[in-house]
Amino acid sequence: LQMNNLKPEDTALYYCNSPSRPWTWGQ
């Protein structure tokens, strides 16, 4: 995920996963 022109409201913990059949979430 390339994130450009970041804004303060982008502050968060970011995760990846399969949207259809999610696996256990990572850290």
PDB file of all heavy atoms in Angstrom:
ATOM      1  N   LEU A   1       0.870  -1.176   0.000  1.00  0.00           N
ATOM      2  CA  LEU A   1       0.000   0.000   0.000  1.00  0.00           C
ATOM      3  C   LEU A   1       0.906   1.226   0.000  1.00  0.00           C
ATOM      4  O   LEU A   1       1.566   1.519   1.000  1.00  0.00           O
ATOM      5  CB  LEU A   1      -0.927   0.019   1.221  1.00  0.00           C
ATOM      6  CG  LEU A   1      -1.955   1.149   1.215  1.00  0.00           C
ATOM      7  CD1 LEU A   1      -2.985   0.930   0.093  1.00  0.00           C
ATOM      8  CD2 LEU A   1      -2.670   1.244   2.569  1.00  0.00           C
ATOM      9  N   GLN A   2       0.979   1.883  -1.139  1.00  0.00           N
ATOM     10  CA  GLN A   2       1.726   3.133  -1.249  1.00  0.00           C
ATOM     11  C   GLN A   2       0.803   4.265  -0.832  1.00  0.00           C
ATOM     12  O   GLN A   2      -0.272   4.451  -1.413  1.00  0.00           O
ATOM     13  CB  GLN A   2       2.205   3.347  -2.682  1.00  0.00           C
ATOM     14  CG  GLN A   2       2.934   4.661  -2.900  1.00  0.00           C
ATOM     15  CD  GLN A   2       4.270   4.724  -2.180  1.00  0.00           C
ATOM     16  OE1 GLN A   2       5.024   3.754  -2.184  1.00  0.00           O
ATOM     17  NE2 GLN A   2       4.555   5.855  -1.553  1.00  0.00           N
ATOM     18  N   MET A   3       1.218   5.005   0.179  1.00  0.00           N
ATOM     19  CA  MET A   3       0.401   6.077   0.727  1.00  0.00           C
ATOM     20  C   MET A   3       1.116   7.404   0.518  1.00  0.00           C
ATOM     21  O   MET A   3       2.204   7.608   1.068  1.00  0.00           O
ATOM     22  CB  MET A   3       0.143   5.839   2.216  1.00  0.00           C
ATOM     23  CG  MET A   3      -0.450   4.466   2.516  1.00  0.00           C
ATOM     24  SD  MET A   3      -0.945   4.276   4.231  1.00  0.00           S
ATOM     25  CE  MET A   3       0.647   4.419   5.024  1.00  0.00           C
ATOM     26  N   ASN A   4       0.533   8.262  -0.282  1.00  0.00           N
ATOM     27  CA  ASN A   4       1.090   9.579  -0.562  1.00  0.00           C
ATOM     28  C   ASN A   4       0.174  10.669  -0.018  1.00  0.00           C
ATOM     29  O   ASN A   4      -0.996  10.428   0.276  1.00  0.00           O
ATOM     30  CB  ASN A   4       1.263   9.767  -2.070  1.00  0.00           C
ATOM     31  CG  ASN A   4       2.227   8.787  -2.676  1.00  0.00           C
ATOM     32  OD1 ASN A   4       3.187   8.346  -2.036  1.00  0.00           O
ATOM     33  ND2 ASN A   4       1.987   8.439  -3.922  1.00  0.00           N
ATOM     34  N   ASN A   5       0.715  11.868   0.107  1.00  0.00           N
ATOM     35  CA  ASN A   5      -0.056  13.009   0.596  1.00  0.00           C
ATOM     36  C   ASN A   5      -0.818  12.634   1.877  1.00  0.00           C
ATOM     37  O   ASN A   5      -2.024  12.868   1.997  1.00  0.00           O
ATOM     38  CB  ASN A   5      -1.026  13.502  -0.474  1.00  0.00           C
ATOM     39  CG  ASN A   5      -1.653  14.835  -0.129  1.00  0.00           C
ATOM     40  OD1 ASN A   5      -1.135  15.585   0.700  1.00  0.00           O
ATOM     41  ND2 ASN A   5      -2.789  15.129  -0.737  1.00  0.00           N
ATOM     42  N   LEU A   6      -0.093  12.076   2.805  1.00  0.00           N
ATOM     43  CA  LEU A   6      -0.715  11.609   4.046  1.00  0.00           C
ATOM     44  C   LEU A   6      -1.326  12.764   4.826  1.00  0.00           C
ATOM     45  O   LEU A   6      -0.809  13.897   4.819  1.00  0.00           O
ATOM     46  CB  LEU A   6       0.312  10.875   4.897  1.00  0.00           C
ATOM     47  CG  LEU A   6       0.634   9.455   4.419  1.00  0.00           C
ATOM     48  CD1 LEU A   6       1.939   8.968   5.020  1.00  0.00           C
ATOM     49  CD2 LEU A   6      -0.508   8.516   4.788  1.00  0.00           C
ATOM     50  N   LYS A   7      -2.419  12.452   5.525  1.00  0.00           N
ATOM     51  CA  LYS A   7      -3.133  13.421   6.339  1.00  0.00           C
ATOM     52  C   LYS A   7      -3.200  12.904   7.781  1.00  0.00           C
ATOM     53  O   LYS A   7      -3.149  11.690   7.998  1.00  0.00           O
ATOM     54  CB  LYS A   7      -4.545  13.617   5.801  1.00  0.00           C
ATOM     55  CG  LYS A   7      -4.606  14.081   4.351  1.00  0.00           C
ATOM     56  CD  LYS A   7      -6.037  14.192   3.871  1.00  0.00           C
ATOM     57  CE  LYS A   7      -6.092  14.674   2.427  1.00  0.00           C
ATOM     58  NZ  LYS A   7      -7.488  14.811   1.941  1.00  0.00           N
ATOM     59  N   PRO A   8      -3.356  13.789   8.747  1.00  0.00           N
ATOM     60  CA  PRO A   8      -3.460  13.336  10.146  1.00  0.00           C
ATOM     61  C   PRO A   8      -4.572  12.300  10.340  1.00  0.00           C
ATOM     62  O   PRO A   8      -4.420  11.395  11.167  1.00  0.00           O
ATOM     63  CB  PRO A   8      -3.749  14.629  10.905  1.00  0.00           C
ATOM     64  CG  PRO A   8      -3.086  15.694  10.080  1.00  0.00           C
ATOM     65  CD  PRO A   8      -3.285  15.264   8.660  1.00  0.00           C
ATOM     66  N   GLU A   9      -5.637  12.408   9.590  1.00  0.00           N
ATOM     67  CA  GLU A   9      -6.743  11.455   9.737  1.00  0.00           C
ATOM     68  C   GLU A   9      -6.415  10.063   9.186  1.00  0.00           C
ATOM     69  O   GLU A   9      -7.207   9.139   9.343  1.00  0.00           O
ATOM     70  CB  GLU A   9      -8.026  11.980   9.074  1.00  0.00           C
ATOM     71  CG  GLU A   9      -7.850  12.450   7.647  1.00  0.00           C
ATOM     72  CD  GLU A   9      -7.645  13.951   7.540  1.00  0.00           C
ATOM     73  OE1 GLU A   9      -6.887  14.521   8.368  1.00  0.00           O
ATOM     74  OE2 GLU A   9      -8.231  14.556   6.616  1.00  0.00           O
ATOM     75  N   ASP A  10      -5.248   9.912   8.552  1.00  0.00           N
ATOM     76  CA  ASP A  10      -4.795   8.583   8.130  1.00  0.00           C
ATOM     77  C   ASP A  10      -4.125   7.823   9.275  1.00  0.00           C
ATOM     78  O   ASP A  10      -3.797   6.646   9.127  1.00  0.00           O
ATOM     79  CB  ASP A  10      -3.809   8.696   6.964  1.00  0.00           C
ATOM     80  CG  ASP A  10      -4.436   9.270   5.710  1.00  0.00           C
ATOM     81  OD1 ASP A  10      -5.593   8.900   5.403  1.00  0.00           O
ATOM     82  OD2 ASP A  10      -3.778  10.091   5.042  1.00  0.00           O
ATOM     83  N   THR A  11      -3.917   8.484  10.391  1.00  0.00           N
ATOM     84  CA  THR A  11      -3.299   7.840  11.543  1.00  0.00           C
ATOM     85  C   THR A  11      -4.142   6.671  12.016  1.00  0.00           C
ATOM     86  O   THR A  11      -5.332   6.832  12.312  1.00  0.00           O
ATOM     87  CB  THR A  11      -3.120   8.856  12.688  1.00  0.00           C
ATOM     88  OG1 THR A  11      -2.197   9.866  12.269  1.00  0.00           O
ATOM     89  CG2 THR A  11      -2.609   8.172  13.948  1.00  0.00           C
ATOM     90  N   ALA A  12      -3.531   5.479  12.036  1.00  0.00           N
ATOM     91  CA  ALA A  12      -4.256   4.266  12.414  1.00  0.00           C
ATOM     92  C   ALA A  12      -3.292   3.091  12.412  1.00  0.00           C
ATOM     93  O   ALA A  12      -2.158   3.205  11.952  1.00  0.00           O
ATOM     94  CB  ALA A  12      -5.392   4.004  11.418  1.00  0.00           C
ATOM     95  N   LEU A  13      -3.797   1.983  12.911  1.00  0.00           N
ATOM     96  CA  LEU A  13      -3.096   0.704  12.788  1.00  0.00           C
ATOM     97  C   LEU A  13      -3.605   0.052  11.510  1.00  0.00           C
ATOM     98  O   LEU A  13      -4.822  -0.100  11.346  1.00  0.00           O
ATOM     99  CB  LEU A  13      -3.382  -0.159  14.011  1.00  0.00           C
ATOM    100  CG  LEU A  13      -2.549  -1.404  14.246  1.00  0.00           C
ATOM    101  CD1 LEU A  13      -1.070  -1.078  14.309  1.00  0.00           C
ATOM    102  CD2 LEU A  13      -2.993  -2.085  15.538  1.00  0.00           C
ATOM    103  N   TYR A  14      -2.699  -0.278  10.603  1.00  0.00           N
ATOM    104  CA  TYR A  14      -3.070  -0.799   9.302  1.00  0.00           C
ATOM    105  C   TYR A  14      -2.859  -2.312   9.244  1.00  0.00           C
ATOM    106  O   TYR A  14      -1.817  -2.828   9.672  1.00  0.00           O
ATOM    107  CB  TYR A  14      -2.249  -0.122   8.201  1.00  0.00           C
ATOM    108  CG  TYR A  14      -2.730   1.268   7.875  1.00  0.00           C
ATOM    109  CD1 TYR A  14      -2.543   2.314   8.773  1.00  0.00           C
ATOM    110  CD2 TYR A  14      -3.395   1.545   6.687  1.00  0.00           C
ATOM    111  CE1 TYR A  14      -3.010   3.594   8.495  1.00  0.00           C
ATOM    112  CE2 TYR A  14      -3.854   2.819   6.394  1.00  0.00           C
ATOM    113  CZ  TYR A  14      -3.653   3.831   7.304  1.00  0.00           C
ATOM    114  OH  TYR A  14      -4.113   5.116   7.019  1.00  0.00           O
ATOM    115  N   TYR A  15      -3.845  -2.999   8.673  1.00  0.00           N
ATOM    116  CA  TYR A  15      -3.829  -4.451   8.547  1.00  0.00           C
ATOM    117  C   TYR A  15      -4.126  -4.850   7.105  1.00  0.00           C
ATOM    118  O   TYR A  15      -4.760  -4.106   6.357  1.00  0.00           O
ATOM    119  CB  TYR A  15      -4.934  -5.084   9.404  1.00  0.00           C
ATOM    120  CG  TYR A  15      -4.924  -4.765  10.863  1.00  0.00           C
ATOM    121  CD1 TYR A  15      -5.573  -3.641  11.357  1.00  0.00           C
ATOM    122  CD2 TYR A  15      -4.303  -5.620  11.769  1.00  0.00           C
ATOM    123  CE1 TYR A  15      -5.589  -3.364  12.724  1.00  0.00           C
ATOM    124  CE2 TYR A  15      -4.328  -5.357  13.134  1.00  0.00           C
ATOM    125  CZ  TYR A  15      -4.971  -4.229  13.592  1.00  0.00           C
ATOM    126  OH  TYR A  15      -4.982  -3.966  14.939  1.00  0.00           O
ATOM    127  N   CYS A  16      -3.709  -6.065   6.760  1.00  0.00           N
ATOM    128  CA  CYS A  16      -4.129  -6.651   5.493  1.00  0.00           C
ATOM    129  C   CYS A  16      -4.878  -7.953   5.791  1.00  0.00           C
ATOM    130  O   CYS A  16      -4.692  -8.562   6.852  1.00  0.00           O
ATOM    131  CB  CYS A  16      -2.944  -6.923   4.588  1.00  0.00           C
ATOM    132  SG  CYS A  16      -1.761  -8.102   5.254  1.00  0.00           S
ATOM    133  N   ASN A  17      -5.726  -8.360   4.851  1.00  0.00           N
ATOM    134  CA  ASN A  17      -6.422  -9.627   4.993  1.00  0.00           C
ATOM    135  C   ASN A  17      -7.195  -9.915   3.717  1.00  0.00           C
ATOM    136  O   ASN A  17      -7.366  -9.041   2.854  1.00  0.00           O
ATOM    137  CB  ASN A  17      -7.384  -9.614   6.188  1.00  0.00           C
ATOM    138  CG  ASN A  17      -7.492 -10.985   6.848  1.00  0.00           C
ATOM    139  OD1 ASN A  17      -7.411 -12.016   6.189  1.00  0.00           O
ATOM    140  ND2 ASN A  17      -7.659 -10.999   8.157  1.00  0.00           N
ATOM    141  N   SER A  18      -7.656 -11.138   3.606  1.00  0.00           N
ATOM    142  CA  SER A  18      -8.527 -11.516   2.506  1.00  0.00           C
ATOM    143  C   SER A  18      -9.934 -11.027   2.825  1.00  0.00           C
ATOM    144  O   SER A  18     -10.466 -11.335   3.895  1.00  0.00           O
ATOM    145  CB  SER A  18      -8.527 -13.038   2.349  1.00  0.00           C
ATOM    146  OG  SER A  18      -9.574 -13.428   1.495  1.00  0.00           O
ATOM    147  N   PRO A  19     -10.577 -10.304   1.932  1.00  0.00           N
ATOM    148  CA  PRO A  19     -11.908  -9.785   2.236  1.00  0.00           C
ATOM    149  C   PRO A  19     -12.999 -10.849   2.192  1.00  0.00           C
ATOM    150  O   PRO A  19     -14.043 -10.700   2.843  1.00  0.00           O
ATOM    151  CB  PRO A  19     -12.140  -8.714   1.167  1.00  0.00           C
ATOM    152  CG  PRO A  19     -11.255  -9.121   0.040  1.00  0.00           C
ATOM    153  CD  PRO A  19     -10.055  -9.776   0.659  1.00  0.00           C
ATOM    154  N   SER A  20     -12.792 -11.903   1.439  1.00  0.00           N
ATOM    155  CA  SER A  20     -13.861 -12.891   1.271  1.00  0.00           C
ATOM    156  C   SER A  20     -13.837 -13.946   2.367  1.00  0.00           C
ATOM    157  O   SER A  20     -14.882 -14.314   2.905  1.00  0.00           O
ATOM    158  CB  SER A  20     -13.735 -13.554  -0.097  1.00  0.00           C
ATOM    159  OG  SER A  20     -12.451 -14.129  -0.245  1.00  0.00           O
ATOM    160  N   ARG A  21     -12.668 -14.427   2.703  1.00  0.00           N
ATOM    161  CA  ARG A  21     -12.548 -15.446   3.757  1.00  0.00           C
ATOM    162  C   ARG A  21     -11.360 -15.061   4.635  1.00  0.00           C
ATOM    163  O   ARG A  21     -10.269 -15.589   4.477  1.00  0.00           O
ATOM    164  CB  ARG A  21     -12.353 -16.829   3.156  1.00  0.00           C
ATOM    165  CG  ARG A  21     -13.535 -17.287   2.315  1.00  0.00           C
ATOM    166  CD  ARG A  21     -13.306 -18.655   1.723  1.00  0.00           C
ATOM    167  NE  ARG A  21     -13.239 -19.695   2.753  1.00  0.00           N
ATOM    168  CZ  ARG A  21     -13.042 -20.976   2.479  1.00  0.00           C
ATOM    169  NH1 ARG A  21     -12.881 -21.367   1.219  1.00  0.00           N
ATOM    170  NH2 ARG A  21     -12.994 -21.864   3.438  1.00  0.00           N
ATOM    171  N   PRO A  22     -11.573 -14.110   5.560  1.00  0.00           N
ATOM    172  CA  PRO A  22     -10.448 -13.576   6.344  1.00  0.00           C
ATOM    173  C   PRO A  22      -9.728 -14.640   7.159  1.00  0.00           C
ATOM    174  O   PRO A  22     -10.360 -15.525   7.736  1.00  0.00           O
ATOM    175  CB  PRO A  22     -11.119 -12.560   7.262  1.00  0.00           C
ATOM    176  CG  PRO A  22     -12.391 -12.210   6.576  1.00  0.00           C
ATOM    177  CD  PRO A  22     -12.833 -13.454   5.881  1.00  0.00           C
ATOM    178  N   TRP A  23      -8.393 -14.495   7.170  1.00  0.00           N
ATOM    179  CA  TRP A  23      -7.596 -15.309   8.060  1.00  0.00           C
ATOM    180  C   TRP A  23      -7.472 -14.597   9.405  1.00  0.00           C
ATOM    181  O   TRP A  23      -8.017 -13.501   9.573  1.00  0.00           O
ATOM    182  CB  TRP A  23      -6.194 -15.490   7.447  1.00  0.00           C
ATOM    183  CG  TRP A  23      -6.205 -16.173   6.129  1.00  0.00           C
ATOM    184  CD1 TRP A  23      -6.607 -17.454   5.858  1.00  0.00           C
ATOM    185  CD2 TRP A  23      -5.793 -15.630   4.863  1.00  0.00           C
ATOM    186  NE1 TRP A  23      -6.473 -17.731   4.511  1.00  0.00           N
ATOM    187  CE2 TRP A  23      -5.964 -16.631   3.882  1.00  0.00           C
ATOM    188  CE3 TRP A  23      -5.276 -14.394   4.466  1.00  0.00           C
ATOM    189  CZ2 TRP A  23      -5.648 -16.441   2.545  1.00  0.00           C
ATOM    190  CZ3 TRP A  23      -4.965 -14.181   3.131  1.00  0.00           C
ATOM    191  CH2 TRP A  23      -5.148 -15.197   2.184  1.00  0.00           C
ATOM    192  N   THR A  24      -6.751 -15.234  10.329  1.00  0.00           N
ATOM    193  CA  THR A  24      -6.484 -14.558  11.608  1.00  0.00           C
ATOM    194  C   THR A  24      -5.713 -13.266  11.333  1.00  0.00           C
ATOM    195  O   THR A  24      -4.724 -13.283  10.596  1.00  0.00           O
ATOM    196  CB  THR A  24      -5.665 -15.478  12.527  1.00  0.00           C
ATOM    197  OG1 THR A  24      -6.414 -16.681  12.764  1.00  0.00           O
ATOM    198  CG2 THR A  24      -5.360 -14.787  13.844  1.00  0.00           C
ATOM    199  N   TRP A  25      -6.148 -12.190  11.942  1.00  0.00           N
ATOM    200  CA  TRP A  25      -5.527 -10.900  11.707  1.00  0.00           C
ATOM    201  C   TRP A  25      -4.097 -10.875  12.223  1.00  0.00           C
ATOM    202  O   TRP A  25      -3.779 -11.461  13.255  1.00  0.00           O
ATOM    203  CB  TRP A  25      -6.330  -9.786  12.379  1.00  0.00           C
ATOM    204  CG  TRP A  25      -7.675  -9.596  11.759  1.00  0.00           C
ATOM    205  CD1 TRP A  25      -8.829 -10.227  12.112  1.00  0.00           C
ATOM    206  CD2 TRP A  25      -8.000  -8.744  10.658  1.00  0.00           C
ATOM    207  NE1 TRP A  25      -9.859  -9.818  11.296  1.00  0.00           N
ATOM    208  CE2 TRP A  25      -9.379  -8.905  10.406  1.00  0.00           C
ATOM    209  CE3 TRP A  25      -7.285  -7.847   9.877  1.00  0.00           C
ATOM    210  CZ2 TRP A  25     -10.042  -8.213   9.381  1.00  0.00           C
ATOM    211  CZ3 TRP A  25      -7.941  -7.155   8.860  1.00  0.00           C
ATOM    212  CH2 TRP A  25      -9.304  -7.344   8.620  1.00  0.00           C
ATOM    213  N   GLY A  26      -3.232 -10.167  11.516  1.00  0.00           N
ATOM    214  CA  GLY A  26      -1.863  -9.988  11.963  1.00  0.00           C
ATOM    215  C   GLY A  26      -1.766  -8.891  13.004  1.00  0.00           C
ATOM    216  O   GLY A  26      -2.778  -8.380  13.499  1.00  0.00           O
ATOM    217  N   GLN A  27      -0.534  -8.522  13.322  1.00  0.00           N
ATOM    218  CA  GLN A  27      -0.296  -7.500  14.347  1.00  0.00           C
ATOM    219  C   GLN A  27      -0.575  -6.094  13.842  1.00  0.00           C
ATOM    220  O   GLN A  27      -0.789  -5.183  14.625  1.00  0.00           O
ATOM    221  CB  GLN A  27       1.174  -7.572  14.813  1.00  0.00           C
ATOM    222  CG  GLN A  27       1.591  -8.900  15.367  1.00  0.00           C
ATOM    223  CD  GLN A  27       1.318  -8.996  16.864  1.00  0.00           C
ATOM    224  OE1 GLN A  27       0.703  -8.137  17.460  1.00  0.00           O
ATOM    225  NE2 GLN A  27       1.782 -10.071  17.462  1.00  0.00           N
TER     226      GLN A  27
END
